Full PDB file with SEQRES, HELIX, SHEET, SSBOND, CRYST1, ORIGX, SCALE, CONECT and MASTER records, all heavy atoms in Angstrom:
SEQRES   1 A   36  SER ASP GLU ASN GLN ILE GLN GLU PRO PHE VAL SER PHE          
SEQRES   2 A   36  PHE ASN ILE TYR GLU ASN LEU ARG ASN SER ALA VAL HIS          
SEQRES   3 A   36  PHE SER PRO THR LYS GLU GLN ILE TRP LEU                      
HELIX    1 AA1 PHE A   10  SER A   12  1                                   3    
HELIX    2 AA2 PHE A   13  GLU A   18  3                                   6    
HELIX    3 AA3 ASN A   19  VAL A   25  1                                   7    
CRYST1    1.000    1.000    1.000  90.00  90.00  90.00 P 1           1          
ORIGX1      1.000000  0.000000  0.000000        0.00000                         
ORIGX2      0.000000  1.000000  0.000000        0.00000                         
ORIGX3      0.000000  0.000000  1.000000        0.00000                         
SCALE1      1.000000  0.000000  0.000000        0.00000                         
SCALE2      0.000000  1.000000  0.000000        0.00000                         
SCALE3      0.000000  0.000000  1.000000        0.00000                         
ATOM      1  N   SER A   1       0.796  -1.181   0.027  1.00  0.00           N  
ATOM      2  CA  SER A   1       0.020   0.092   0.028  1.00  0.00           C  
ATOM      3  C   SER A   1       0.784   1.291  -0.052  1.00  0.00           C  
ATOM      4  O   SER A   1       0.291   2.364  -0.288  1.00  0.00           O  
ATOM      5  CB  SER A   1      -0.933  -0.014   1.260  1.00  0.00           C  
ATOM      6  OG  SER A   1      -0.174  -0.082   2.453  1.00  0.00           O  
ATOM      7  N   ASP A   2       2.088   1.190   0.417  1.00  0.00           N  
ATOM      8  CA  ASP A   2       2.930   2.426   0.423  1.00  0.00           C  
ATOM      9  C   ASP A   2       3.962   2.299  -0.644  1.00  0.00           C  
ATOM     10  O   ASP A   2       4.874   1.379  -0.650  1.00  0.00           O  
ATOM     11  CB  ASP A   2       3.615   2.286   1.787  1.00  0.00           C  
ATOM     12  CG  ASP A   2       4.512   3.563   2.066  1.00  0.00           C  
ATOM     13  OD1 ASP A   2       4.682   4.379   1.102  1.00  0.00           O  
ATOM     14  OD2 ASP A   2       4.847   3.916   3.218  1.00  0.00           O  
ATOM     15  N   GLU A   3       3.964   3.264  -1.467  1.00  0.00           N  
ATOM     16  CA  GLU A   3       4.939   3.237  -2.657  1.00  0.00           C  
ATOM     17  C   GLU A   3       6.339   3.450  -2.172  1.00  0.00           C  
ATOM     18  O   GLU A   3       7.297   3.035  -2.903  1.00  0.00           O  
ATOM     19  CB  GLU A   3       4.576   4.453  -3.623  1.00  0.00           C  
ATOM     20  CG  GLU A   3       3.246   4.278  -4.404  1.00  0.00           C  
ATOM     21  CD  GLU A   3       3.253   3.079  -5.302  1.00  0.00           C  
ATOM     22  OE1 GLU A   3       4.281   2.703  -5.792  1.00  0.00           O  
ATOM     23  OE2 GLU A   3       2.260   2.368  -5.391  1.00  0.00           O  
ATOM     24  N   ASN A   4       6.537   3.974  -0.991  1.00  0.00           N  
ATOM     25  CA  ASN A   4       7.944   4.100  -0.519  1.00  0.00           C  
ATOM     26  C   ASN A   4       8.492   2.713   0.086  1.00  0.00           C  
ATOM     27  O   ASN A   4       9.701   2.654   0.219  1.00  0.00           O  
ATOM     28  CB  ASN A   4       7.981   5.203   0.488  1.00  0.00           C  
ATOM     29  CG  ASN A   4       7.703   6.673  -0.111  1.00  0.00           C  
ATOM     30  OD1 ASN A   4       8.181   6.935  -1.139  1.00  0.00           O  
ATOM     31  ND2 ASN A   4       6.935   7.382   0.621  1.00  0.00           N  
ATOM     32  N   GLN A   5       7.616   1.832   0.426  1.00  0.00           N  
ATOM     33  CA  GLN A   5       8.017   0.626   1.035  1.00  0.00           C  
ATOM     34  C   GLN A   5       7.783  -0.626   0.283  1.00  0.00           C  
ATOM     35  O   GLN A   5       8.448  -1.641   0.527  1.00  0.00           O  
ATOM     36  CB  GLN A   5       7.277   0.403   2.426  1.00  0.00           C  
ATOM     37  CG  GLN A   5       7.550   1.505   3.438  1.00  0.00           C  
ATOM     38  CD  GLN A   5       6.955   1.185   4.739  1.00  0.00           C  
ATOM     39  OE1 GLN A   5       7.424   0.278   5.554  1.00  0.00           O  
ATOM     40  NE2 GLN A   5       5.889   1.973   5.114  1.00  0.00           N  
ATOM     41  N   ILE A   6       7.028  -0.521  -0.912  1.00  0.00           N  
ATOM     42  CA  ILE A   6       6.801  -1.659  -1.609  1.00  0.00           C  
ATOM     43  C   ILE A   6       8.097  -2.167  -2.297  1.00  0.00           C  
ATOM     44  O   ILE A   6       8.912  -1.338  -2.723  1.00  0.00           O  
ATOM     45  CB  ILE A   6       5.738  -1.395  -2.813  1.00  0.00           C  
ATOM     46  CG1 ILE A   6       5.352  -2.739  -3.457  1.00  0.00           C  
ATOM     47  CG2 ILE A   6       6.166  -0.306  -3.663  1.00  0.00           C  
ATOM     48  CD1 ILE A   6       4.177  -2.582  -4.352  1.00  0.00           C  
ATOM     49  N   GLN A   7       8.311  -3.407  -2.398  1.00  0.00           N  
ATOM     50  CA  GLN A   7       9.548  -3.950  -2.898  1.00  0.00           C  
ATOM     51  C   GLN A   7       9.343  -4.909  -4.092  1.00  0.00           C  
ATOM     52  O   GLN A   7       8.236  -5.335  -4.294  1.00  0.00           O  
ATOM     53  CB  GLN A   7      10.398  -4.758  -1.785  1.00  0.00           C  
ATOM     54  CG  GLN A   7      10.753  -3.809  -0.580  1.00  0.00           C  
ATOM     55  CD  GLN A   7      11.458  -4.514   0.379  1.00  0.00           C  
ATOM     56  OE1 GLN A   7      11.750  -5.759   0.330  1.00  0.00           O  
ATOM     57  NE2 GLN A   7      11.880  -3.902   1.459  1.00  0.00           N  
ATOM     58  N   GLU A   8      10.404  -5.304  -4.840  1.00  0.00           N  
ATOM     59  CA  GLU A   8      10.195  -6.223  -5.833  1.00  0.00           C  
ATOM     60  C   GLU A   8       9.960  -7.683  -5.179  1.00  0.00           C  
ATOM     61  O   GLU A   8      10.365  -7.938  -4.078  1.00  0.00           O  
ATOM     62  CB  GLU A   8      11.569  -6.327  -6.688  1.00  0.00           C  
ATOM     63  CG  GLU A   8      11.857  -5.144  -7.639  1.00  0.00           C  
ATOM     64  CD  GLU A   8      10.876  -5.037  -8.625  1.00  0.00           C  
ATOM     65  OE1 GLU A   8      10.005  -5.930  -8.907  1.00  0.00           O  
ATOM     66  OE2 GLU A   8      10.992  -4.080  -9.422  1.00  0.00           O  
ATOM     67  N   PRO A   9       9.270  -8.557  -5.866  1.00  0.00           N  
ATOM     68  CA  PRO A   9       8.811  -8.450  -7.345  1.00  0.00           C  
ATOM     69  C   PRO A   9       7.560  -7.635  -7.397  1.00  0.00           C  
ATOM     70  O   PRO A   9       7.001  -7.519  -8.494  1.00  0.00           O  
ATOM     71  CB  PRO A   9       8.548  -9.905  -7.734  1.00  0.00           C  
ATOM     72  CG  PRO A   9       8.218 -10.524  -6.356  1.00  0.00           C  
ATOM     73  CD  PRO A   9       9.006  -9.809  -5.310  1.00  0.00           C  
ATOM     74  N   PHE A  10       7.048  -7.083  -6.348  1.00  0.00           N  
ATOM     75  CA  PHE A  10       5.610  -6.573  -6.322  1.00  0.00           C  
ATOM     76  C   PHE A  10       5.677  -5.157  -7.036  1.00  0.00           C  
ATOM     77  O   PHE A  10       4.620  -4.646  -7.661  1.00  0.00           O  
ATOM     78  CB  PHE A  10       5.188  -6.316  -4.889  1.00  0.00           C  
ATOM     79  CG  PHE A  10       5.024  -7.685  -4.236  1.00  0.00           C  
ATOM     80  CD1 PHE A  10       5.923  -8.137  -3.369  1.00  0.00           C  
ATOM     81  CD2 PHE A  10       3.795  -8.378  -4.497  1.00  0.00           C  
ATOM     82  CE1 PHE A  10       5.728  -9.284  -2.768  1.00  0.00           C  
ATOM     83  CE2 PHE A  10       3.549  -9.548  -3.804  1.00  0.00           C  
ATOM     84  CZ  PHE A  10       4.593 -10.127  -2.993  1.00  0.00           C  
ATOM     85  N   VAL A  11       6.852  -4.448  -7.094  1.00  0.00           N  
ATOM     86  CA  VAL A  11       6.900  -3.176  -7.748  1.00  0.00           C  
ATOM     87  C   VAL A  11       6.628  -3.391  -9.314  1.00  0.00           C  
ATOM     88  O   VAL A  11       5.908  -2.685  -9.912  1.00  0.00           O  
ATOM     89  CB  VAL A  11       8.334  -2.481  -7.644  1.00  0.00           C  
ATOM     90  CG1 VAL A  11       8.496  -1.339  -8.527  1.00  0.00           C  
ATOM     91  CG2 VAL A  11       8.540  -2.156  -6.134  1.00  0.00           C  
ATOM     92  N   SER A  12       7.326  -4.320  -9.893  1.00  0.00           N  
ATOM     93  CA  SER A  12       7.215  -4.613 -11.295  1.00  0.00           C  
ATOM     94  C   SER A  12       5.847  -5.219 -11.528  1.00  0.00           C  
ATOM     95  O   SER A  12       5.108  -4.774 -12.550  1.00  0.00           O  
ATOM     96  CB  SER A  12       8.373  -5.601 -11.734  1.00  0.00           C  
ATOM     97  OG  SER A  12       9.557  -5.023 -11.594  1.00  0.00           O  
ATOM     98  N   PHE A  13       5.352  -6.093 -10.654  1.00  0.00           N  
ATOM     99  CA  PHE A  13       3.987  -6.728 -10.958  1.00  0.00           C  
ATOM    100  C   PHE A  13       3.015  -5.574 -11.040  1.00  0.00           C  
ATOM    101  O   PHE A  13       2.138  -5.719 -11.934  1.00  0.00           O  
ATOM    102  CB  PHE A  13       3.700  -7.645  -9.767  1.00  0.00           C  
ATOM    103  CG  PHE A  13       2.351  -8.346  -9.888  1.00  0.00           C  
ATOM    104  CD1 PHE A  13       2.366  -9.584 -10.596  1.00  0.00           C  
ATOM    105  CD2 PHE A  13       1.220  -7.850  -9.418  1.00  0.00           C  
ATOM    106  CE1 PHE A  13       1.124 -10.223 -10.743  1.00  0.00           C  
ATOM    107  CE2 PHE A  13       0.016  -8.568  -9.595  1.00  0.00           C  
ATOM    108  CZ  PHE A  13      -0.007  -9.766 -10.254  1.00  0.00           C  
ATOM    109  N   PHE A  14       2.925  -4.708 -10.106  1.00  0.00           N  
ATOM    110  CA  PHE A  14       1.814  -3.634 -10.054  1.00  0.00           C  
ATOM    111  C   PHE A  14       2.178  -2.542 -10.993  1.00  0.00           C  
ATOM    112  O   PHE A  14       1.334  -1.997 -11.759  1.00  0.00           O  
ATOM    113  CB  PHE A  14       1.610  -3.218  -8.618  1.00  0.00           C  
ATOM    114  CG  PHE A  14       0.848  -4.168  -7.837  1.00  0.00           C  
ATOM    115  CD1 PHE A  14       1.548  -4.849  -6.783  1.00  0.00           C  
ATOM    116  CD2 PHE A  14      -0.459  -4.447  -8.071  1.00  0.00           C  
ATOM    117  CE1 PHE A  14       0.847  -5.788  -5.991  1.00  0.00           C  
ATOM    118  CE2 PHE A  14      -1.104  -5.339  -7.329  1.00  0.00           C  
ATOM    119  CZ  PHE A  14      -0.541  -6.040  -6.395  1.00  0.00           C  
ATOM    120  N   ASN A  15       3.345  -1.912 -11.003  1.00  0.00           N  
ATOM    121  CA  ASN A  15       3.658  -0.735 -11.732  1.00  0.00           C  
ATOM    122  C   ASN A  15       3.895  -0.885 -13.266  1.00  0.00           C  
ATOM    123  O   ASN A  15       3.679   0.018 -14.032  1.00  0.00           O  
ATOM    124  CB  ASN A  15       4.954  -0.076 -11.160  1.00  0.00           C  
ATOM    125  CG  ASN A  15       4.750   0.366  -9.740  1.00  0.00           C  
ATOM    126  OD1 ASN A  15       3.592   0.524  -9.212  1.00  0.00           O  
ATOM    127  ND2 ASN A  15       5.800   0.974  -9.150  1.00  0.00           N  
ATOM    128  N   ILE A  16       4.226  -2.176 -13.623  1.00  0.00           N  
ATOM    129  CA  ILE A  16       4.311  -2.454 -15.032  1.00  0.00           C  
ATOM    130  C   ILE A  16       3.253  -3.311 -15.575  1.00  0.00           C  
ATOM    131  O   ILE A  16       2.492  -2.913 -16.455  1.00  0.00           O  
ATOM    132  CB  ILE A  16       5.745  -3.147 -15.272  1.00  0.00           C  
ATOM    133  CG1 ILE A  16       6.841  -2.144 -14.807  1.00  0.00           C  
ATOM    134  CG2 ILE A  16       5.859  -3.444 -16.785  1.00  0.00           C  
ATOM    135  CD1 ILE A  16       8.247  -2.750 -14.996  1.00  0.00           C  
ATOM    136  N   TYR A  17       3.111  -4.518 -14.961  1.00  0.00           N  
ATOM    137  CA  TYR A  17       2.272  -5.471 -15.602  1.00  0.00           C  
ATOM    138  C   TYR A  17       0.844  -5.349 -15.268  1.00  0.00           C  
ATOM    139  O   TYR A  17      -0.055  -5.782 -16.051  1.00  0.00           O  
ATOM    140  CB  TYR A  17       2.799  -6.938 -15.224  1.00  0.00           C  
ATOM    141  CG  TYR A  17       4.103  -7.171 -16.012  1.00  0.00           C  
ATOM    142  CD1 TYR A  17       5.280  -7.114 -15.365  1.00  0.00           C  
ATOM    143  CD2 TYR A  17       4.122  -7.472 -17.359  1.00  0.00           C  
ATOM    144  CE1 TYR A  17       6.516  -7.276 -16.038  1.00  0.00           C  
ATOM    145  CE2 TYR A  17       5.280  -7.762 -17.981  1.00  0.00           C  
ATOM    146  CZ  TYR A  17       6.504  -7.558 -17.377  1.00  0.00           C  
ATOM    147  OH  TYR A  17       7.725  -7.852 -18.022  1.00  0.00           O  
ATOM    148  N   GLU A  18       0.486  -4.802 -14.029  1.00  0.00           N  
ATOM    149  CA  GLU A  18      -0.935  -4.673 -13.713  1.00  0.00           C  
ATOM    150  C   GLU A  18      -1.517  -3.562 -14.674  1.00  0.00           C  
ATOM    151  O   GLU A  18      -2.618  -3.733 -15.238  1.00  0.00           O  
ATOM    152  CB  GLU A  18      -1.113  -4.187 -12.352  1.00  0.00           C  
ATOM    153  CG  GLU A  18      -2.616  -3.989 -12.058  1.00  0.00           C  
ATOM    154  CD  GLU A  18      -2.838  -3.554 -10.625  1.00  0.00           C  
ATOM    155  OE1 GLU A  18      -2.388  -2.454 -10.220  1.00  0.00           O  
ATOM    156  OE2 GLU A  18      -3.482  -4.401  -9.801  1.00  0.00           O  
ATOM    157  N   ASN A  19      -0.720  -2.546 -14.985  1.00  0.00           N  
ATOM    158  CA  ASN A  19      -1.094  -1.494 -16.026  1.00  0.00           C  
ATOM    159  C   ASN A  19      -1.230  -2.080 -17.352  1.00  0.00           C  
ATOM    160  O   ASN A  19      -2.193  -1.832 -18.167  1.00  0.00           O  
ATOM    161  CB  ASN A  19      -0.085  -0.345 -16.082  1.00  0.00           C  
ATOM    162  CG  ASN A  19      -0.040   0.422 -14.679  1.00  0.00           C  
ATOM    163  OD1 ASN A  19      -1.057   0.467 -14.012  1.00  0.00           O  
ATOM    164  ND2 ASN A  19       1.088   1.062 -14.491  1.00  0.00           N  
ATOM    165  N   LEU A  20      -0.289  -3.021 -17.771  1.00  0.00           N  
ATOM    166  CA  LEU A  20      -0.480  -3.662 -19.060  1.00  0.00           C  
ATOM    167  C   LEU A  20      -1.613  -4.525 -19.155  1.00  0.00           C  
ATOM    168  O   LEU A  20      -2.409  -4.561 -20.156  1.00  0.00           O  
ATOM    169  CB  LEU A  20       0.799  -4.441 -19.345  1.00  0.00           C  
ATOM    170  CG  LEU A  20       1.078  -5.141 -20.694  1.00  0.00           C  
ATOM    171  CD1 LEU A  20       0.947  -4.006 -21.898  1.00  0.00           C  
ATOM    172  CD2 LEU A  20       2.278  -5.984 -20.800  1.00  0.00           C  
ATOM    173  N   ARG A  21      -1.907  -5.297 -18.036  1.00  0.00           N  
ATOM    174  CA  ARG A  21      -3.034  -6.190 -18.075  1.00  0.00           C  
ATOM    175  C   ARG A  21      -4.311  -5.402 -18.101  1.00  0.00           C  
ATOM    176  O   ARG A  21      -5.256  -5.778 -18.871  1.00  0.00           O  
ATOM    177  CB  ARG A  21      -3.000  -7.099 -16.820  1.00  0.00           C  
ATOM    178  CG  ARG A  21      -4.218  -7.822 -16.544  1.00  0.00           C  
ATOM    179  CD  ARG A  21      -5.225  -7.163 -15.558  1.00  0.00           C  
ATOM    180  NE  ARG A  21      -6.356  -7.873 -15.288  1.00  0.00           N  
ATOM    181  CZ  ARG A  21      -7.378  -7.376 -14.592  1.00  0.00           C  
ATOM    182  NH1 ARG A  21      -7.358  -6.153 -14.154  1.00  0.00           N  
ATOM    183  NH2 ARG A  21      -8.469  -8.140 -14.293  1.00  0.00           N  
ATOM    184  N   ASN A  22      -4.435  -4.349 -17.335  1.00  0.00           N  
ATOM    185  CA  ASN A  22      -5.649  -3.398 -17.417  1.00  0.00           C  
ATOM    186  C   ASN A  22      -5.895  -2.870 -18.784  1.00  0.00           C  
ATOM    187  O   ASN A  22      -7.102  -2.833 -19.203  1.00  0.00           O  
ATOM    188  CB  ASN A  22      -5.518  -2.330 -16.365  1.00  0.00           C  
ATOM    189  CG  ASN A  22      -5.561  -2.814 -14.973  1.00  0.00           C  
ATOM    190  OD1 ASN A  22      -5.946  -3.903 -14.715  1.00  0.00           O  
ATOM    191  ND2 ASN A  22      -5.106  -1.995 -14.001  1.00  0.00           N  
ATOM    192  N   SER A  23      -4.869  -2.444 -19.482  1.00  0.00           N  
ATOM    193  CA  SER A  23      -4.985  -1.968 -20.824  1.00  0.00           C  
ATOM    194  C   SER A  23      -5.574  -3.050 -21.768  1.00  0.00           C  
ATOM    195  O   SER A  23      -6.342  -2.851 -22.665  1.00  0.00           O  
ATOM    196  CB  SER A  23      -3.715  -1.336 -21.362  1.00  0.00           C  
ATOM    197  OG  SER A  23      -3.368  -0.271 -20.664  1.00  0.00           O  
ATOM    198  N   ALA A  24      -4.996  -4.279 -21.587  1.00  0.00           N  
ATOM    199  CA  ALA A  24      -5.382  -5.351 -22.484  1.00  0.00           C  
ATOM    200  C   ALA A  24      -6.776  -5.781 -22.223  1.00  0.00           C  
ATOM    201  O   ALA A  24      -7.523  -6.189 -23.155  1.00  0.00           O  
ATOM    202  CB  ALA A  24      -4.404  -6.541 -22.264  1.00  0.00           C  
ATOM    203  N   VAL A  25      -7.237  -5.633 -20.962  1.00  0.00           N  
ATOM    204  CA  VAL A  25      -8.630  -5.949 -20.642  1.00  0.00           C  
ATOM    205  C   VAL A  25      -9.590  -4.938 -20.953  1.00  0.00           C  
ATOM    206  O   VAL A  25     -10.744  -5.190 -21.560  1.00  0.00           O  
ATOM    207  CB  VAL A  25      -8.764  -6.444 -19.141  1.00  0.00           C  
ATOM    208  CG1 VAL A  25     -10.149  -6.620 -18.748  1.00  0.00           C  
ATOM    209  CG2 VAL A  25      -7.841  -7.634 -18.819  1.00  0.00           C  
ATOM    210  N   HIS A  26      -9.374  -3.735 -20.575  1.00  0.00           N  
ATOM    211  CA  HIS A  26     -10.205  -2.541 -20.966  1.00  0.00           C  
ATOM    212  C   HIS A  26      -9.353  -1.397 -21.349  1.00  0.00           C  
ATOM    213  O   HIS A  26      -9.151  -0.399 -20.615  1.00  0.00           O  
ATOM    214  CB  HIS A  26     -11.246  -2.256 -19.762  1.00  0.00           C  
ATOM    215  CG  HIS A  26     -10.579  -2.475 -18.374  1.00  0.00           C  
ATOM    216  ND1 HIS A  26      -9.602  -1.696 -17.826  1.00  0.00           N  
ATOM    217  CD2 HIS A  26     -10.835  -3.418 -17.614  1.00  0.00           C  
ATOM    218  CE1 HIS A  26      -9.215  -2.210 -16.671  1.00  0.00           C  
ATOM    219  NE2 HIS A  26      -9.960  -3.282 -16.402  1.00  0.00           N  
ATOM    220  N   PHE A  27      -9.079  -1.421 -22.664  1.00  0.00           N  
ATOM    221  CA  PHE A  27      -8.167  -0.478 -23.179  1.00  0.00           C  
ATOM    222  C   PHE A  27      -8.741   0.974 -23.275  1.00  0.00           C  
ATOM    223  O   PHE A  27      -9.914   1.158 -23.583  1.00  0.00           O  
ATOM    224  CB  PHE A  27      -7.615  -0.876 -24.560  1.00  0.00           C  
ATOM    225  CG  PHE A  27      -6.703   0.145 -25.202  1.00  0.00           C  
ATOM    226  CD1 PHE A  27      -5.367   0.258 -24.745  1.00  0.00           C  
ATOM    227  CD2 PHE A  27      -7.067   1.013 -26.145  1.00  0.00           C  
ATOM    228  CE1 PHE A  27      -4.548   1.130 -25.310  1.00  0.00           C  
ATOM    229  CE2 PHE A  27      -6.227   1.885 -26.752  1.00  0.00           C  
ATOM    230  CZ  PHE A  27      -4.959   1.988 -26.302  1.00  0.00           C  
ATOM    231  N   SER A  28      -7.918   1.874 -23.158  1.00  0.00           N  
ATOM    232  CA  SER A  28      -8.220   3.359 -23.417  1.00  0.00           C  
ATOM    233  C   SER A  28      -6.944   3.998 -23.882  1.00  0.00           C  
ATOM    234  O   SER A  28      -5.773   3.608 -23.400  1.00  0.00           O  
ATOM    235  CB  SER A  28      -8.767   4.066 -22.119  1.00  0.00           C  
ATOM    236  OG  SER A  28      -8.677   5.446 -22.356  1.00  0.00           O  
ATOM    237  N   PRO A  29      -6.985   5.003 -24.834  1.00  0.00           N  
ATOM    238  CA  PRO A  29      -5.791   5.626 -25.257  1.00  0.00           C  
ATOM    239  C   PRO A  29      -4.962   6.286 -24.249  1.00  0.00           C  
ATOM    240  O   PRO A  29      -3.761   6.556 -24.382  1.00  0.00           O  
ATOM    241  CB  PRO A  29      -6.363   6.696 -26.261  1.00  0.00           C  
ATOM    242  CG  PRO A  29      -7.637   6.077 -26.779  1.00  0.00           C  
ATOM    243  CD  PRO A  29      -8.159   5.355 -25.502  1.00  0.00           C  
ATOM    244  N   THR A  30      -5.546   6.523 -23.032  1.00  0.00           N  
ATOM    245  CA  THR A  30      -4.862   7.138 -21.995  1.00  0.00           C  
ATOM    246  C   THR A  30      -4.062   6.049 -21.112  1.00  0.00           C  
ATOM    247  O   THR A  30      -3.280   6.535 -20.184  1.00  0.00           O  
ATOM    248  CB  THR A  30      -5.765   7.843 -21.102  1.00  0.00           C  
ATOM    249  OG1 THR A  30      -6.776   6.984 -20.473  1.00  0.00           O  
ATOM    250  CG2 THR A  30      -6.523   8.982 -21.879  1.00  0.00           C  
ATOM    251  N   LYS A  31      -4.266   4.862 -21.417  1.00  0.00           N  
ATOM    252  CA  LYS A  31      -3.681   3.802 -20.615  1.00  0.00           C  
ATOM    253  C   LYS A  31      -2.387   3.274 -21.248  1.00  0.00           C  
ATOM    254  O   LYS A  31      -2.014   3.719 -22.246  1.00  0.00           O  
ATOM    255  CB  LYS A  31      -4.685   2.646 -20.363  1.00  0.00           C  
ATOM    256  CG  LYS A  31      -5.805   3.035 -19.475  1.00  0.00           C  
ATOM    257  CD  LYS A  31      -6.655   1.862 -19.234  1.00  0.00           C  
ATOM    258  CE  LYS A  31      -7.964   2.228 -18.328  1.00  0.00           C  
ATOM    259  NZ  LYS A  31      -8.783   1.102 -18.066  1.00  0.00           N  
ATOM    260  N   GLU A  32      -1.807   2.281 -20.702  1.00  0.00           N  
ATOM    261  CA  GLU A  32      -0.622   1.613 -21.158  1.00  0.00           C  
ATOM    262  C   GLU A  32      -0.729   1.145 -22.578  1.00  0.00           C  
ATOM    263  O   GLU A  32      -1.831   0.660 -22.985  1.00  0.00           O  
ATOM    264  CB  GLU A  32      -0.165   0.428 -20.306  1.00  0.00           C  
ATOM    265  CG  GLU A  32       1.116  -0.304 -20.560  1.00  0.00           C  
ATOM    266  CD  GLU A  32       2.300   0.504 -20.012  1.00  0.00           C  
ATOM    267  OE1 GLU A  32       1.966   1.295 -19.075  1.00  0.00           O  
ATOM    268  OE2 GLU A  32       3.337   0.206 -20.465  1.00  0.00           O  
ATOM    269  N   GLN A  33       0.246   1.367 -23.411  1.00  0.00           N  
ATOM    270  CA  GLN A  33       0.137   1.044 -24.884  1.00  0.00           C  
ATOM    271  C   GLN A  33       0.149  -0.497 -25.009  1.00  0.00           C  
ATOM    272  O   GLN A  33       0.988  -1.201 -24.386  1.00  0.00           O  
ATOM    273  CB  GLN A  33       1.323   1.669 -25.604  1.00  0.00           C  
ATOM    274  CG  GLN A  33       1.343   1.473 -27.072  1.00  0.00           C  
ATOM    275  CD  GLN A  33       0.118   1.944 -27.669  1.00  0.00           C  
ATOM    276  OE1 GLN A  33      -0.733   1.345 -28.190  1.00  0.00           O  
ATOM    277  NE2 GLN A  33      -0.037   3.319 -27.794  1.00  0.00           N  
ATOM    278  N   ILE A  34      -0.783  -1.056 -25.833  1.00  0.00           N  
ATOM    279  CA  ILE A  34      -0.821  -2.352 -26.154  1.00  0.00           C  
ATOM    280  C   ILE A  34      -0.469  -2.694 -27.655  1.00  0.00           C  
ATOM    281  O   ILE A  34      -0.459  -3.869 -28.023  1.00  0.00           O  
ATOM    282  CB  ILE A  34      -2.167  -3.132 -25.683  1.00  0.00           C  
ATOM    283  CG1 ILE A  34      -3.253  -2.499 -26.514  1.00  0.00           C  
ATOM    284  CG2 ILE A  34      -2.386  -2.995 -24.232  1.00  0.00           C  
ATOM    285  CD1 ILE A  34      -4.580  -3.184 -26.403  1.00  0.00           C  
ATOM    286  N   TRP A  35      -0.181  -1.659 -28.359  1.00  0.00           N  
ATOM    287  CA  TRP A  35       0.213  -1.836 -29.768  1.00  0.00           C  
ATOM    288  C   TRP A  35       1.708  -1.961 -29.778  1.00  0.00           C  
ATOM    289  O   TRP A  35       2.520  -1.078 -29.856  1.00  0.00           O  
ATOM    290  CB  TRP A  35      -0.291  -0.574 -30.619  1.00  0.00           C  
ATOM    291  CG  TRP A  35      -0.230  -0.855 -32.064  1.00  0.00           C  
ATOM    292  CD1 TRP A  35       0.777  -1.474 -32.857  1.00  0.00           C  
ATOM    293  CD2 TRP A  35      -1.284  -0.661 -32.997  1.00  0.00           C  
ATOM    294  NE1 TRP A  35       0.380  -1.561 -34.082  1.00  0.00           N  
ATOM    295  CE2 TRP A  35      -0.858  -1.133 -34.299  1.00  0.00           C  
ATOM    296  CE3 TRP A  35      -2.639  -0.155 -32.869  1.00  0.00           C  
ATOM    297  CZ2 TRP A  35      -1.700  -1.047 -35.390  1.00  0.00           C  
ATOM    298  CZ3 TRP A  35      -3.314   0.014 -33.968  1.00  0.00           C  
ATOM    299  CH2 TRP A  35      -2.895  -0.519 -35.167  1.00  0.00           C  
ATOM    300  N   LEU A  36       2.155  -3.235 -29.531  1.00  0.00           N  
ATOM    301  CA  LEU A  36       3.556  -3.485 -29.456  1.00  0.00           C  
ATOM    302  C   LEU A  36       4.106  -4.469 -30.507  1.00  0.00           C  
ATOM    303  O   LEU A  36       3.285  -5.119 -31.149  1.00  0.00           O  
ATOM    304  CB  LEU A  36       3.858  -4.120 -28.053  1.00  0.00           C  
ATOM    305  CG  LEU A  36       3.364  -3.320 -26.865  1.00  0.00           C  
ATOM    306  CD1 LEU A  36       3.641  -4.214 -25.605  1.00  0.00           C  
ATOM    307  CD2 LEU A  36       4.229  -2.009 -26.727  1.00  0.00           C  
TER     308      LEU A  36                                                      
MASTER        0    0    0    3    0    0    0    6  307    1    0    3          
END                                                                             
């Protein structure tokens, strides 16, 4: 819950891949790019 205390592998899981997953499930141009 605290961005200053969260550690790997949870940093990558939430900050990178949760965003990518969310875009793939319900995409919006304002979200993570899925045209890769």
